[in-house]
Amino acid sequence: MTDIYSQEKRSKIMARVSATGTKPELAVRQVAHGLGYRFRLHREDLPGRPDLVFPRHRKIIFVHGCFWHGHEDCKKAKWPETNKEFWERKLSRNMERDQHNIKTLKKTGWMVLVVWECETWSREQLTGRVRCFLCEDPVNGR
């Protein structure tokens, strides 16, 4: 199956896909801020440029798009029917890079939470998940 758009049109469409300031990321920011936490955004000195960094707590939140980061068993993570080899390579590299970055961060003492795009749809569940992660104390086990 070939792409329904020309290469030029597809390029324009893909160029409009934003890496930061997405709706799911903004939802997580609002929840964290509403819980009274302050954070830094997209620290370039950390692997993977985490979306939210809580330096004092040594905690990081990545907000992953279900499609771009390969969320298993999610309807939004359906791989395209066209140009399958390209997308398989691209998305597999994304997932490998994510795993490597998280592993590196954990080795250096950071606690990491991945919030998937589809998990931001319910504000109540998102709030509970973020609260649980940020309130967890690794030293005292709370």
Protein backbone atom coordinates (compact mmCIF):
# COMPACT_ATOMS: atom_id res chain seq x y z
CA MET A 1 0.00 0.00 0.00
CA THR A 2 1.40 3.42 -0.91
CA ASP A 3 1.02 6.64 1.02
CA ILE A 4 -2.08 8.68 0.15
CA TYR A 5 -0.03 11.89 0.37
CA SER A 6 2.87 13.04 -1.76
CA GLN A 7 6.29 12.96 -0.16
CA GLU A 8 6.26 16.77 0.14
CA LYS A 9 2.81 16.83 1.80
CA ARG A 10 3.77 14.00 4.20
CA SER A 11 6.94 15.90 5.14
CA LYS A 12 4.89 19.00 5.99
CA ILE A 13 2.48 16.94 8.09
CA MET A 14 5.29 15.26 10.02
CA ALA A 15 7.11 18.58 10.59
CA ARG A 16 4.07 19.84 12.50
CA VAL A 17 4.30 17.05 15.08
CA SER A 18 5.50 18.73 18.26
CA ALA A 19 8.00 17.16 20.65
CA THR A 20 7.26 19.44 23.60
CA GLY A 21 4.21 21.25 24.94
CA THR A 22 1.80 18.54 23.82
CA LYS A 23 -1.66 18.18 25.40
CA PRO A 24 -0.64 15.07 27.39
CA GLU A 25 2.49 16.82 28.66
CA LEU A 26 0.51 19.91 29.65
CA ALA A 27 -1.98 17.70 31.53
CA VAL A 28 0.82 16.10 33.55
CA ARG A 29 2.36 19.52 34.26
CA GLN A 30 -0.97 20.86 35.50
CA VAL A 31 -1.46 17.88 37.79
CA ALA A 32 2.07 18.08 39.25
CA HIS A 33 1.78 21.84 39.75
CA GLY A 34 -1.68 21.44 41.29
CA LEU A 35 -0.21 18.98 43.79
CA GLY A 36 2.24 21.69 44.85
CA TYR A 37 5.36 20.36 43.11
CA ARG A 38 7.77 22.53 41.16
CA PHE A 39 9.81 21.11 38.34
CA ARG A 40 12.18 21.81 35.48
CA LEU A 41 11.31 21.08 31.87
CA HIS A 42 13.34 19.17 29.28
CA ARG A 43 16.75 19.21 30.96
CA GLU A 44 19.24 18.68 28.17
CA ASP A 45 21.95 17.42 30.52
CA LEU A 46 19.91 14.28 31.34
CA PRO A 47 19.48 11.27 29.02
CA GLY A 48 16.31 11.52 26.96
CA ARG A 49 15.63 15.15 27.90
CA PRO A 50 12.93 14.22 30.44
CA ASP A 51 9.66 16.13 30.21
CA LEU A 52 9.46 16.96 33.93
CA VAL A 53 12.40 16.87 36.33
CA PHE A 54 12.02 17.20 40.11
CA PRO A 55 15.69 17.74 41.11
CA ARG A 56 15.14 17.96 44.88
CA HIS A 57 13.27 14.66 44.86
CA ARG A 58 15.55 12.98 42.26
CA LYS A 59 12.47 12.06 40.24
CA ILE A 60 11.68 12.28 36.55
CA ILE A 61 8.49 11.97 34.53
CA PHE A 62 8.49 11.13 30.84
CA VAL A 63 5.24 11.76 28.96
CA HIS A 64 5.24 9.39 26.00
CA GLY A 65 3.00 9.48 22.98
CA CYS A 66 1.47 6.03 22.54
CA PHE A 67 2.28 5.90 18.81
CA TRP A 68 5.79 7.37 18.87
CA HIS A 69 7.01 5.29 21.81
CA GLY A 70 5.19 2.02 21.06
CA HIS A 71 2.71 1.63 23.91
CA GLU A 72 1.84 -2.08 23.94
CA ASP A 73 -1.82 -3.05 23.64
CA CYS A 74 -2.93 0.54 23.03
CA LYS A 75 -5.24 1.41 20.14
CA LYS A 76 -3.33 4.66 19.54
CA ALA A 77 -0.09 2.73 19.00
CA LYS A 78 -1.21 1.03 15.78
CA TRP A 79 1.65 0.88 13.30
CA PRO A 80 1.01 2.43 9.88
CA GLU A 81 0.11 0.21 6.95
CA THR A 82 2.29 2.15 4.51
CA ASN A 83 6.08 2.16 4.46
CA LYS A 84 6.15 -0.59 7.10
CA GLU A 85 9.91 -1.15 7.09
CA PHE A 86 10.63 2.52 7.76
CA TRP A 87 8.14 2.73 10.63
CA GLU A 88 9.28 -0.53 12.16
CA ARG A 89 12.88 0.70 12.23
CA LYS A 90 11.92 4.16 13.45
CA LEU A 91 9.60 3.08 16.26
CA SER A 92 11.84 0.21 17.36
CA ARG A 93 14.77 2.63 17.69
CA ASN A 94 12.57 4.97 19.75
CA MET A 95 11.65 2.14 22.14
CA GLU A 96 15.27 0.96 22.46
CA ARG A 97 16.45 4.51 23.14
CA ASP A 98 13.72 4.97 25.77
CA GLN A 99 14.79 1.79 27.58
CA HIS A 100 18.45 2.80 27.47
CA ASN A 101 17.72 6.31 28.80
CA ILE A 102 15.57 5.02 31.66
CA LYS A 103 18.17 2.42 32.61
CA THR A 104 20.92 5.08 32.61
CA LEU A 105 18.84 7.45 34.73
CA LYS A 106 18.05 4.75 37.29
CA LYS A 107 21.73 3.80 37.52
CA THR A 108 22.54 7.40 38.41
CA GLY A 109 19.98 7.53 41.23
CA TRP A 110 16.88 8.93 39.54
CA MET A 111 13.41 7.46 40.00
CA VAL A 112 11.52 7.41 36.69
CA LEU A 113 7.82 7.37 35.84
CA VAL A 114 6.54 6.96 32.28
CA VAL A 115 3.08 8.39 31.69
CA TRP A 116 1.49 7.29 28.42
CA GLU A 117 -0.64 9.64 26.35
CA CYS A 118 -3.74 7.46 26.85
CA GLU A 119 -3.25 7.62 30.63
CA THR A 120 -3.78 11.39 30.58
CA TRP A 121 -7.39 11.10 29.44
CA SER A 122 -8.69 10.56 32.96
CA ARG A 123 -7.58 13.47 35.12
CA GLU A 124 -8.57 11.63 38.30
CA GLN A 125 -6.46 8.54 37.52
CA LEU A 126 -3.57 10.69 36.28
CA THR A 127 -3.61 12.71 39.51
CA GLY A 128 -3.55 9.56 41.62
CA ARG A 129 -0.66 8.08 39.66
CA VAL A 130 1.46 11.25 39.75
CA ARG A 131 0.69 11.84 43.45
CA CYS A 132 1.67 8.26 44.32
CA PHE A 133 4.96 8.56 42.39
CA LEU A 134 5.94 11.97 43.77
CA CYS A 135 4.98 11.18 47.37
CA GLU A 136 6.89 7.91 47.40
CA ASP A 137 10.00 8.18 49.58
CA PRO A 138 12.72 5.74 48.44
CA VAL A 139 14.68 6.13 51.71
CA ASN A 140 11.82 5.46 54.12
CA GLY A 141 9.75 3.28 51.77
CA ARG A 142 6.70 5.53 51.89
